[in-house]
C-alpha cells in the first residue's frame, strides 16, 4: 500500500474555488479502482491550509491517478496553479 499526506497553503480569497476543485478531485479520485482513500481536510485553526490524506493499493495505482484526466485538470491545472506552498510526506504503516 502507498500512503502519504500533502499540505497546500492557499490565499484566503481562493478558499471557495479550492473547496470546489477539491470536491471534483476527491469524487473522481475515490472512484479510481486502485484508490483506497482520498480525504481532503482544512486545518481547524488555518482554513487556508489544506491537507490531503491519500492511499493507493500500489505504485501502479498511484501512477494511474497521476495520469488521470481529473488529476491533470483539477490537481495540476487547479490546485498546483493556486498554491503558495506545498509539502509532501510519504507514510509507512506500522501494522
C-alpha atoms as a PDB file:
ATOM      1  CA  UNK A   1       0.000   0.000   0.000  1.00  0.00           C
ATOM      2  CA  UNK A   2       1.141   3.547  -0.786  1.00  0.00           C
ATOM      3  CA  UNK A   3       0.102   6.216   1.734  1.00  0.00           C
ATOM      4  CA  UNK A   4       1.016   9.885   2.009  1.00  0.00           C
ATOM      5  CA  UNK A   5      -0.172  13.334   3.008  1.00  0.00           C
ATOM      6  CA  UNK A   6       0.181  16.542   1.054  1.00  0.00           C
ATOM      7  CA  UNK A   7      -0.165  20.019   2.599  1.00  0.00           C
ATOM      8  CA  UNK A   8      -1.026  23.043   0.486  1.00  0.00           C
ATOM      9  CA  UNK A   9      -1.225  26.673   1.528  1.00  0.00           C
ATOM     10  CA  UNK A  10      -3.619  28.906  -0.430  1.00  0.00           C
ATOM     11  CA  UNK A  11      -4.621  32.565  -0.400  1.00  0.00           C
ATOM     12  CA  UNK A  12      -7.761  33.356   1.644  1.00  0.00           C
ATOM     13  CA  UNK A  13      -9.508  34.757  -1.437  1.00  0.00           C
ATOM     14  CA  UNK A  14      -9.153  31.352  -3.170  1.00  0.00           C
ATOM     15  CA  UNK A  15     -10.929  29.412  -0.386  1.00  0.00           C
ATOM     16  CA  UNK A  16     -14.251  28.835  -2.217  1.00  0.00           C
ATOM     17  CA  UNK A  17     -12.573  27.929  -5.510  1.00  0.00           C
ATOM     18  CA  UNK A  18     -10.192  25.485  -3.802  1.00  0.00           C
ATOM     19  CA  UNK A  19     -13.107  23.815  -2.000  1.00  0.00           C
ATOM     20  CA  UNK A  20     -14.915  23.345  -5.329  1.00  0.00           C
ATOM     21  CA  UNK A  21     -11.783  21.957  -7.020  1.00  0.00           C
ATOM     22  CA  UNK A  22     -11.313  19.520  -4.138  1.00  0.00           C
ATOM     23  CA  UNK A  23     -14.918  18.329  -4.371  1.00  0.00           C
ATOM     24  CA  UNK A  24     -14.397  17.372  -8.006  1.00  0.00           C
ATOM     25  CA  UNK A  25     -10.943  15.909  -7.474  1.00  0.00           C
ATOM     26  CA  UNK A  26     -11.917  13.850  -4.427  1.00  0.00           C
ATOM     27  CA  UNK A  27     -15.062  12.461  -6.067  1.00  0.00           C
ATOM     28  CA  UNK A  28     -13.234  11.329  -9.207  1.00  0.00           C
ATOM     29  CA  UNK A  29     -10.177  10.049  -7.313  1.00  0.00           C
ATOM     30  CA  UNK A  30     -12.289   7.929  -4.965  1.00  0.00           C
ATOM     31  CA  UNK A  31     -13.795   6.168  -7.997  1.00  0.00           C
ATOM     32  CA  UNK A  32     -10.377   5.043  -9.280  1.00  0.00           C
ATOM     33  CA  UNK A  33     -10.026   1.255  -8.938  1.00  0.00           C
ATOM     34  CA  UNK A  34      -6.695   1.496  -7.076  1.00  0.00           C
ATOM     35  CA  UNK A  35      -7.670   4.308  -4.707  1.00  0.00           C
ATOM     36  CA  UNK A  36      -8.236   3.184  -1.127  1.00  0.00           C
ATOM     37  CA  UNK A  37      -8.663   6.596   0.466  1.00  0.00           C
ATOM     38  CA  UNK A  38      -8.644  10.219  -0.684  1.00  0.00           C
ATOM     39  CA  UNK A  39      -9.621  12.648   2.068  1.00  0.00           C
ATOM     40  CA  UNK A  40      -9.033  16.405   1.824  1.00  0.00           C
ATOM     41  CA  UNK A  41      -9.120  18.448   5.039  1.00  0.00           C
ATOM     42  CA  UNK A  42      -8.508  22.025   6.022  1.00  0.00           C
ATOM     43  CA  UNK A  43      -6.702  22.652   9.271  1.00  0.00           C
ATOM     44  CA  UNK A  44      -9.049  23.594  12.089  1.00  0.00           C
ATOM     45  CA  UNK A  45      -7.035  26.663  13.038  1.00  0.00           C
ATOM     46  CA  UNK A  46      -5.981  27.545   9.482  1.00  0.00           C
ATOM     47  CA  UNK A  47      -8.674  27.200   6.792  1.00  0.00           C
ATOM     48  CA  UNK A  48      -6.183  28.271   4.112  1.00  0.00           C
ATOM     49  CA  UNK A  49      -4.041  25.185   4.662  1.00  0.00           C
ATOM     50  CA  UNK A  50      -5.325  22.012   3.046  1.00  0.00           C
ATOM     51  CA  UNK A  51      -4.113  18.530   3.941  1.00  0.00           C
ATOM     52  CA  UNK A  52      -4.971  15.605   1.667  1.00  0.00           C
ATOM     53  CA  UNK A  53      -4.583  12.067   3.010  1.00  0.00           C
ATOM     54  CA  UNK A  54      -4.223   9.558   0.161  1.00  0.00           C
ATOM     55  CA  UNK A  55      -3.863   5.777  -0.028  1.00  0.00           C
ATOM     56  CA  UNK A  56      -3.466   3.614  -3.120  1.00  0.00           C
ATOM     57  CA  UNK A  57      -3.204  -0.163  -3.369  1.00  0.00           C
ATOM     58  CA  UNK A  58       0.226   0.035  -5.059  1.00  0.00           C
ATOM     59  CA  UNK A  59       2.619   2.238  -7.039  1.00  0.00           C
ATOM     60  CA  UNK A  60       0.825   1.432 -10.301  1.00  0.00           C
ATOM     61  CA  UNK A  61      -2.460   2.758  -8.869  1.00  0.00           C
ATOM     62  CA  UNK A  62      -0.730   5.967  -7.771  1.00  0.00           C
ATOM     63  CA  UNK A  63       0.842   6.343 -11.219  1.00  0.00           C
ATOM     64  CA  UNK A  64      -2.590   5.845 -12.820  1.00  0.00           C
ATOM     65  CA  UNK A  65      -4.017   8.533 -10.517  1.00  0.00           C
ATOM     66  CA  UNK A  66      -1.320  10.988 -11.555  1.00  0.00           C
ATOM     67  CA  UNK A  67      -2.015  10.271 -15.232  1.00  0.00           C
ATOM     68  CA  UNK A  68      -5.795  10.584 -14.923  1.00  0.00           C
ATOM     69  CA  UNK A  69      -7.678  13.354 -16.701  1.00  0.00           C
ATOM     70  CA  UNK A  70      -9.234  14.563 -13.440  1.00  0.00           C
ATOM     71  CA  UNK A  71      -5.839  14.846 -11.695  1.00  0.00           C
ATOM     72  CA  UNK A  72      -4.423  16.796 -14.625  1.00  0.00           C
ATOM     73  CA  UNK A  73      -7.458  19.092 -14.722  1.00  0.00           C
ATOM     74  CA  UNK A  74      -8.091  19.688 -11.011  1.00  0.00           C
ATOM     75  CA  UNK A  75      -4.726  18.850  -9.428  1.00  0.00           C
ATOM     76  CA  UNK A  76      -2.184  20.182 -11.914  1.00  0.00           C
ATOM     77  CA  UNK A  77      -4.447  22.738 -13.588  1.00  0.00           C
ATOM     78  CA  UNK A  78      -6.194  23.838 -10.396  1.00  0.00           C
ATOM     79  CA  UNK A  79      -4.549  23.230  -7.037  1.00  0.00           C
ATOM     80  CA  UNK A  80      -0.947  23.469  -8.188  1.00  0.00           C
ATOM     81  CA  UNK A  81      -1.652  26.752 -10.001  1.00  0.00           C
ATOM     82  CA  UNK A  82      -3.163  28.369  -6.898  1.00  0.00           C
ATOM     83  CA  UNK A  83      -0.878  27.020  -4.164  1.00  0.00           C
ATOM     84  CA  UNK A  84       1.530  29.247  -2.280  1.00  0.00           C
ATOM     85  CA  UNK A  85       3.340  26.397  -0.514  1.00  0.00           C
ATOM     86  CA  UNK A  86       3.398  22.601  -0.779  1.00  0.00           C
ATOM     87  CA  UNK A  87       4.776  19.795   1.379  1.00  0.00           C
ATOM     88  CA  UNK A  88       4.589  16.046   0.731  1.00  0.00           C
ATOM     89  CA  UNK A  89       5.226  13.278   3.279  1.00  0.00           C
ATOM     90  CA  UNK A  90       5.264   9.560   2.459  1.00  0.00           C
ATOM     91  CA  UNK A  91       3.884   7.327   5.216  1.00  0.00           C
ATOM     92  CA  UNK A  92       4.785   3.761   6.224  1.00  0.00           C
ATOM     93  CA  UNK A  93       2.136   1.752   8.049  1.00  0.00           C
ATOM     94  CA  UNK A  94       3.233   0.240  11.356  1.00  0.00           C
ATOM     95  CA  UNK A  95       0.624  -2.538  11.427  1.00  0.00           C
END
